[in-house]
Amino acid sequence: MRTAFEAWAQREGHITRRREDKPEEYLVYETQRRWVIWQAALTHGAKTAADAPSKFAKDAEAASGPVTQDEAAVRNRVLNEVLDAFSELDEAAGMEGVLKVIQGLKKKQKETADAKA
């Protein structure tokens, strides 16, 4: 997952050097912020996909095939939810703001799951 993020970040012009004292963190704040957002999006998307397993491939062979329209629709919906949540975040919020948005997404997902149950 980190390799894919770093490849994307480099294509977008972000500096992907990591801190020497904390190698799990990036040296540049904006890169670290985008890494946290990337993880949140993937986690949110994985949970959404798990909630609707019938819409996705039922075995490993089908999973490696092309993306179905249903799967693409779910991915787009999840991506839009995450982008909308982070677009409301202002620059001054910092990592606390990012964590608040992530917690909001988790709360929304839990409420949706509870409503279905």
N, C-alpha and C. Protein backbone atom coordinates (compact mmCIF):
# COMPACT_ATOMS: atom_id res chain seq x y z
N MET A 1 0.83 -1.18 0.00
CA MET A 1 0.00 0.00 0.00
C MET A 1 0.88 1.25 0.00
N ARG A 2 1.94 1.26 0.79
CA ARG A 2 2.82 2.43 0.85
C ARG A 2 3.55 2.63 -0.47
N THR A 3 3.90 1.54 -1.13
CA THR A 3 4.59 1.65 -2.41
C THR A 3 3.70 2.32 -3.44
N ALA A 4 2.44 1.94 -3.48
CA ALA A 4 1.49 2.56 -4.42
C ALA A 4 1.31 4.04 -4.09
N PHE A 5 1.23 4.36 -2.80
CA PHE A 5 1.08 5.76 -2.40
C PHE A 5 2.30 6.55 -2.83
N GLU A 6 3.50 6.04 -2.56
CA GLU A 6 4.71 6.77 -2.89
C GLU A 6 4.85 6.96 -4.40
N ALA A 7 4.46 5.96 -5.18
CA ALA A 7 4.51 6.10 -6.63
C ALA A 7 3.57 7.22 -7.07
N TRP A 8 2.35 7.24 -6.51
CA TRP A 8 1.40 8.30 -6.84
C TRP A 8 1.92 9.66 -6.39
N ALA A 9 2.44 9.73 -5.17
CA ALA A 9 2.93 10.99 -4.62
C ALA A 9 4.07 11.56 -5.45
N GLN A 10 4.98 10.70 -5.90
CA GLN A 10 6.08 11.17 -6.72
C GLN A 10 5.58 11.69 -8.07
N ARG A 11 4.59 11.00 -8.65
CA ARG A 11 4.01 11.48 -9.91
C ARG A 11 3.36 12.85 -9.73
N GLU A 12 2.79 13.07 -8.55
CA GLU A 12 2.12 14.34 -8.27
C GLU A 12 3.08 15.43 -7.80
N GLY A 13 4.36 15.08 -7.66
CA GLY A 13 5.37 16.07 -7.29
C GLY A 13 5.61 16.24 -5.80
N HIS A 14 5.14 15.29 -4.99
CA HIS A 14 5.35 15.37 -3.55
C HIS A 14 6.69 14.73 -3.17
N ILE A 15 7.27 15.23 -2.12
CA ILE A 15 8.54 14.69 -1.62
C ILE A 15 8.21 13.51 -0.71
N THR A 16 8.78 12.35 -1.01
CA THR A 16 8.44 11.14 -0.26
C THR A 16 9.54 10.69 0.69
N ARG A 17 10.47 11.57 0.99
CA ARG A 17 11.51 11.21 1.97
C ARG A 17 10.88 11.06 3.35
N ARG A 18 11.39 10.08 4.10
CA ARG A 18 10.85 9.83 5.44
C ARG A 18 11.80 10.38 6.49
N ARG A 19 11.24 10.59 7.67
CA ARG A 19 12.03 11.10 8.78
C ARG A 19 13.02 10.04 9.24
N GLU A 20 14.19 10.48 9.67
CA GLU A 20 15.18 9.53 10.16
C GLU A 20 14.82 9.02 11.55
N ASP A 21 14.26 9.89 12.38
CA ASP A 21 13.91 9.48 13.75
C ASP A 21 12.61 8.69 13.81
N LYS A 22 11.72 8.88 12.82
CA LYS A 22 10.46 8.15 12.74
C LYS A 22 10.25 7.72 11.29
N PRO A 23 10.81 6.58 10.89
CA PRO A 23 10.73 6.19 9.48
C PRO A 23 9.33 5.90 8.96
N GLU A 24 8.34 5.76 9.85
CA GLU A 24 6.97 5.53 9.39
C GLU A 24 6.29 6.84 8.99
N GLU A 25 6.94 7.98 9.26
CA GLU A 25 6.38 9.29 8.91
C GLU A 25 7.20 9.95 7.82
N TYR A 26 6.53 10.79 7.04
CA TYR A 26 7.20 11.52 5.97
C TYR A 26 7.77 12.82 6.50
N LEU A 27 8.85 13.26 5.89
CA LEU A 27 9.55 14.47 6.30
C LEU A 27 8.70 15.71 6.05
N VAL A 28 7.99 15.72 4.95
CA VAL A 28 7.17 16.87 4.58
C VAL A 28 5.75 16.67 5.12
N TYR A 29 5.25 17.69 5.81
CA TYR A 29 3.94 17.61 6.45
C TYR A 29 2.84 17.27 5.43
N GLU A 30 2.84 17.92 4.28
CA GLU A 30 1.77 17.70 3.29
C GLU A 30 1.77 16.26 2.79
N THR A 31 2.94 15.67 2.62
CA THR A 31 3.02 14.27 2.21
C THR A 31 2.46 13.37 3.31
N GLN A 32 2.79 13.66 4.56
CA GLN A 32 2.27 12.87 5.68
C GLN A 32 0.75 12.99 5.75
N ARG A 33 0.24 14.19 5.55
CA ARG A 33 -1.20 14.41 5.57
C ARG A 33 -1.89 13.62 4.48
N ARG A 34 -1.33 13.62 3.29
CA ARG A 34 -1.91 12.86 2.18
C ARG A 34 -1.81 11.35 2.41
N TRP A 35 -0.76 10.90 3.09
CA TRP A 35 -0.61 9.48 3.43
C TRP A 35 -1.74 9.05 4.36
N VAL A 36 -2.04 9.88 5.36
CA VAL A 36 -3.13 9.56 6.29
C VAL A 36 -4.46 9.54 5.55
N ILE A 37 -4.67 10.49 4.66
CA ILE A 37 -5.90 10.53 3.86
C ILE A 37 -5.99 9.29 2.98
N TRP A 38 -4.89 8.91 2.35
CA TRP A 38 -4.83 7.71 1.49
C TRP A 38 -5.25 6.48 2.30
N GLN A 39 -4.70 6.33 3.49
CA GLN A 39 -5.04 5.18 4.33
C GLN A 39 -6.52 5.20 4.71
N ALA A 40 -7.03 6.36 5.04
CA ALA A 40 -8.44 6.48 5.42
C ALA A 40 -9.34 6.08 4.26
N ALA A 41 -8.99 6.53 3.07
CA ALA A 41 -9.80 6.20 1.88
C ALA A 41 -9.80 4.70 1.63
N LEU A 42 -8.63 4.08 1.72
CA LEU A 42 -8.55 2.64 1.49
C LEU A 42 -9.30 1.86 2.56
N THR A 43 -9.17 2.27 3.81
CA THR A 43 -9.87 1.59 4.90
C THR A 43 -11.37 1.74 4.74
N HIS A 44 -11.81 2.95 4.44
CA HIS A 44 -13.23 3.22 4.26
C HIS A 44 -13.77 2.41 3.08
N GLY A 45 -13.01 2.35 2.00
CA GLY A 45 -13.42 1.59 0.81
C GLY A 45 -13.48 0.10 1.07
N ALA A 46 -12.52 -0.42 1.83
CA ALA A 46 -12.50 -1.85 2.13
C ALA A 46 -13.70 -2.24 2.98
N LYS A 47 -14.06 -1.39 3.93
CA LYS A 47 -15.21 -1.70 4.78
C LYS A 47 -16.50 -1.63 3.98
N THR A 48 -16.58 -0.68 3.07
CA THR A 48 -17.77 -0.56 2.23
C THR A 48 -17.89 -1.78 1.32
N ALA A 49 -16.77 -2.23 0.77
CA ALA A 49 -16.79 -3.41 -0.09
C ALA A 49 -17.18 -4.65 0.71
N ALA A 50 -16.75 -4.73 1.96
CA ALA A 50 -17.10 -5.87 2.80
C ALA A 50 -18.59 -5.88 3.13
N ASP A 51 -19.19 -4.69 3.18
CA ASP A 51 -20.63 -4.60 3.48
C ASP A 51 -21.48 -5.10 2.32
N ALA A 52 -20.91 -5.12 1.11
CA ALA A 52 -21.68 -5.54 -0.07
C ALA A 52 -20.92 -6.62 -0.84
N PRO A 53 -20.65 -7.77 -0.20
CA PRO A 53 -19.83 -8.78 -0.87
C PRO A 53 -20.49 -9.38 -2.10
N SER A 54 -21.79 -9.37 -2.17
CA SER A 54 -22.46 -9.98 -3.32
C SER A 54 -22.23 -9.18 -4.60
N LYS A 55 -21.82 -7.94 -4.47
CA LYS A 55 -21.58 -7.12 -5.64
C LYS A 55 -20.18 -7.33 -6.21
N PHE A 56 -19.35 -8.07 -5.50
CA PHE A 56 -17.98 -8.26 -5.93
C PHE A 56 -17.72 -9.72 -6.27
N ALA A 57 -16.55 -9.96 -6.82
CA ALA A 57 -16.18 -11.30 -7.26
C ALA A 57 -16.30 -12.30 -6.12
N LYS A 58 -16.82 -13.50 -6.45
CA LYS A 58 -17.04 -14.51 -5.42
C LYS A 58 -15.85 -15.44 -5.25
N ASP A 59 -14.94 -15.46 -6.20
CA ASP A 59 -13.77 -16.31 -6.04
C ASP A 59 -12.52 -15.57 -6.52
N ALA A 60 -11.38 -16.16 -6.29
CA ALA A 60 -10.11 -15.50 -6.61
C ALA A 60 -9.94 -15.26 -8.11
N GLU A 61 -10.42 -16.17 -8.93
CA GLU A 61 -10.28 -16.00 -10.38
C GLU A 61 -11.05 -14.77 -10.85
N ALA A 62 -12.25 -14.61 -10.39
CA ALA A 62 -13.05 -13.46 -10.80
C ALA A 62 -12.51 -12.17 -10.19
N ALA A 63 -11.90 -12.26 -9.02
CA ALA A 63 -11.36 -11.07 -8.36
C ALA A 63 -10.20 -10.47 -9.15
N SER A 64 -9.47 -11.28 -9.87
CA SER A 64 -8.34 -10.75 -10.62
C SER A 64 -8.76 -10.21 -11.99
N GLY A 65 -10.01 -10.38 -12.34
CA GLY A 65 -10.51 -9.91 -13.63
C GLY A 65 -10.78 -8.41 -13.63
N PRO A 66 -11.41 -7.94 -14.69
CA PRO A 66 -11.69 -6.51 -14.78
C PRO A 66 -12.73 -6.06 -13.75
N VAL A 67 -12.74 -4.78 -13.48
CA VAL A 67 -13.65 -4.20 -12.50
C VAL A 67 -15.06 -4.18 -13.09
N THR A 68 -16.02 -4.65 -12.30
CA THR A 68 -17.40 -4.64 -12.75
C THR A 68 -17.98 -3.24 -12.56
N GLN A 69 -19.14 -3.00 -13.20
CA GLN A 69 -19.77 -1.70 -13.06
C GLN A 69 -20.20 -1.44 -11.62
N ASP A 70 -20.70 -2.47 -10.95
CA ASP A 70 -21.12 -2.31 -9.55
C ASP A 70 -19.92 -1.95 -8.67
N GLU A 71 -18.81 -2.65 -8.87
CA GLU A 71 -17.62 -2.39 -8.08
C GLU A 71 -17.10 -0.98 -8.36
N ALA A 72 -17.09 -0.57 -9.61
CA ALA A 72 -16.65 0.78 -9.97
C ALA A 72 -17.55 1.84 -9.34
N ALA A 73 -18.84 1.57 -9.31
CA ALA A 73 -19.79 2.52 -8.72
C ALA A 73 -19.54 2.66 -7.22
N VAL A 74 -19.29 1.54 -6.54
CA VAL A 74 -19.01 1.58 -5.11
C VAL A 74 -17.70 2.32 -4.86
N ARG A 75 -16.68 2.04 -5.65
CA ARG A 75 -15.40 2.73 -5.50
C ARG A 75 -15.57 4.24 -5.69
N ASN A 76 -16.30 4.62 -6.72
CA ASN A 76 -16.51 6.05 -6.98
C ASN A 76 -17.29 6.70 -5.84
N ARG A 77 -18.30 6.01 -5.33
CA ARG A 77 -19.09 6.57 -4.23
C ARG A 77 -18.22 6.77 -3.00
N VAL A 78 -17.40 5.76 -2.68
CA VAL A 78 -16.53 5.85 -1.52
C VAL A 78 -15.51 6.97 -1.70
N LEU A 79 -14.91 7.03 -2.87
CA LEU A 79 -13.93 8.09 -3.13
C LEU A 79 -14.57 9.46 -2.99
N ASN A 80 -15.77 9.62 -3.52
CA ASN A 80 -16.47 10.90 -3.42
C ASN A 80 -16.80 11.25 -1.98
N GLU A 81 -17.19 10.25 -1.18
CA GLU A 81 -17.46 10.49 0.24
C GLU A 81 -16.21 10.99 0.95
N VAL A 82 -15.09 10.33 0.69
CA VAL A 82 -13.83 10.71 1.34
C VAL A 82 -13.39 12.09 0.87
N LEU A 83 -13.46 12.35 -0.43
CA LEU A 83 -13.07 13.66 -0.95
C LEU A 83 -13.96 14.77 -0.40
N ASP A 84 -15.26 14.52 -0.31
CA ASP A 84 -16.18 15.51 0.25
C ASP A 84 -15.84 15.80 1.72
N ALA A 85 -15.55 14.74 2.45
CA ALA A 85 -15.23 14.91 3.87
C ALA A 85 -13.96 15.73 4.05
N PHE A 86 -12.95 15.47 3.23
CA PHE A 86 -11.69 16.18 3.37
C PHE A 86 -11.73 17.57 2.73
N SER A 87 -12.64 17.82 1.80
CA SER A 87 -12.71 19.14 1.18
C SER A 87 -13.21 20.18 2.17
N GLU A 88 -13.95 19.75 3.19
CA GLU A 88 -14.44 20.67 4.21
C GLU A 88 -13.36 21.04 5.22
N LEU A 89 -12.23 20.36 5.18
CA LEU A 89 -11.14 20.58 6.12
C LEU A 89 -10.33 21.79 5.69
N ASP A 90 -10.06 22.69 6.62
CA ASP A 90 -9.25 23.85 6.27
C ASP A 90 -7.78 23.56 6.56
N GLU A 91 -6.90 24.36 5.97
CA GLU A 91 -5.45 24.14 6.08
C GLU A 91 -4.97 24.24 7.53
N ALA A 92 -5.60 25.06 8.34
CA ALA A 92 -5.15 25.28 9.71
C ALA A 92 -5.50 24.12 10.64
N ALA A 93 -6.33 23.21 10.20
CA ALA A 93 -6.79 22.12 11.07
C ALA A 93 -5.67 21.14 11.42
N GLY A 94 -4.71 20.98 10.53
CA GLY A 94 -3.59 20.09 10.80
C GLY A 94 -4.00 18.63 10.90
N MET A 95 -3.16 17.84 11.53
CA MET A 95 -3.41 16.41 11.67
C MET A 95 -4.63 16.14 12.55
N GLU A 96 -4.90 17.03 13.50
CA GLU A 96 -6.07 16.86 14.34
C GLU A 96 -7.34 16.91 13.48
N GLY A 97 -7.34 17.81 12.51
CA GLY A 97 -8.48 17.91 11.61
C GLY A 97 -8.64 16.68 10.75
N VAL A 98 -7.51 16.13 10.28
CA VAL A 98 -7.54 14.92 9.47
C VAL A 98 -8.11 13.77 10.30
N LEU A 99 -7.64 13.64 11.54
CA LEU A 99 -8.13 12.58 12.40
C LEU A 99 -9.61 12.76 12.71
N LYS A 100 -10.06 14.01 12.86
CA LYS A 100 -11.47 14.29 13.11
C LYS A 100 -12.32 13.84 11.92
N VAL A 101 -11.83 14.11 10.70
CA VAL A 101 -12.56 13.69 9.50
C VAL A 101 -12.63 12.17 9.43
N ILE A 102 -11.52 11.51 9.74
CA ILE A 102 -11.49 10.04 9.72
C ILE A 102 -12.49 9.48 10.73
N GLN A 103 -12.50 10.05 11.93
CA GLN A 103 -13.45 9.60 12.94
C GLN A 103 -14.89 9.83 12.48
N GLY A 104 -15.12 10.95 11.79
CA GLY A 104 -16.45 11.22 11.26
C GLY A 104 -16.87 10.19 10.22
N LEU A 105 -15.93 9.80 9.36
CA LEU A 105 -16.23 8.76 8.36
C LEU A 105 -16.54 7.43 9.04
N LYS A 106 -15.77 7.10 10.07
CA LYS A 106 -16.01 5.85 10.79
C LYS A 106 -17.38 5.88 11.47
N LYS A 107 -17.73 7.02 12.06
CA LYS A 107 -19.01 7.15 12.74
C LYS A 107 -20.16 7.02 11.73
N LYS A 108 -20.00 7.66 10.58
CA LYS A 108 -21.03 7.58 9.54
C LYS A 108 -21.21 6.14 9.06
N GLN A 109 -20.09 5.45 8.89
CA GLN A 109 -20.14 4.06 8.44
C GLN A 109 -20.81 3.17 9.48
N LYS A 110 -20.51 3.41 10.76
CA LYS A 110 -21.13 2.62 11.82
C LYS A 110 -22.63 2.87 11.88
N GLU A 111 -23.03 4.12 11.71
CA GLU A 111 -24.45 4.45 11.72
C GLU A 111 -25.17 3.77 10.55
N THR A 112 -24.52 3.74 9.40
CA THR A 112 -25.11 3.08 8.24
C THR A 112 -25.25 1.58 8.48
N ALA A 113 -24.22 0.98 9.07
CA ALA A 113 -24.26 -0.46 9.37
C ALA A 113 -25.33 -0.76 10.40
N ASP A 114 -25.48 0.10 11.41
CA ASP A 114 -26.50 -0.10 12.43
C ASP A 114 -27.90 0.05 11.84
N ALA A 115 -28.04 0.96 10.90
CA ALA A 115 -29.36 1.17 10.26
C ALA A 115 -29.77 -0.03 9.43
N LYS A 116 -28.77 -0.69 8.81
CA LYS A 116 -29.06 -1.88 8.00
C LYS A 116 -29.44 -3.08 8.88
N ALA A 117 -28.89 -3.11 10.08
CA ALA A 117 -29.12 -4.26 10.98
C ALA A 117 -30.45 -4.22 11.66
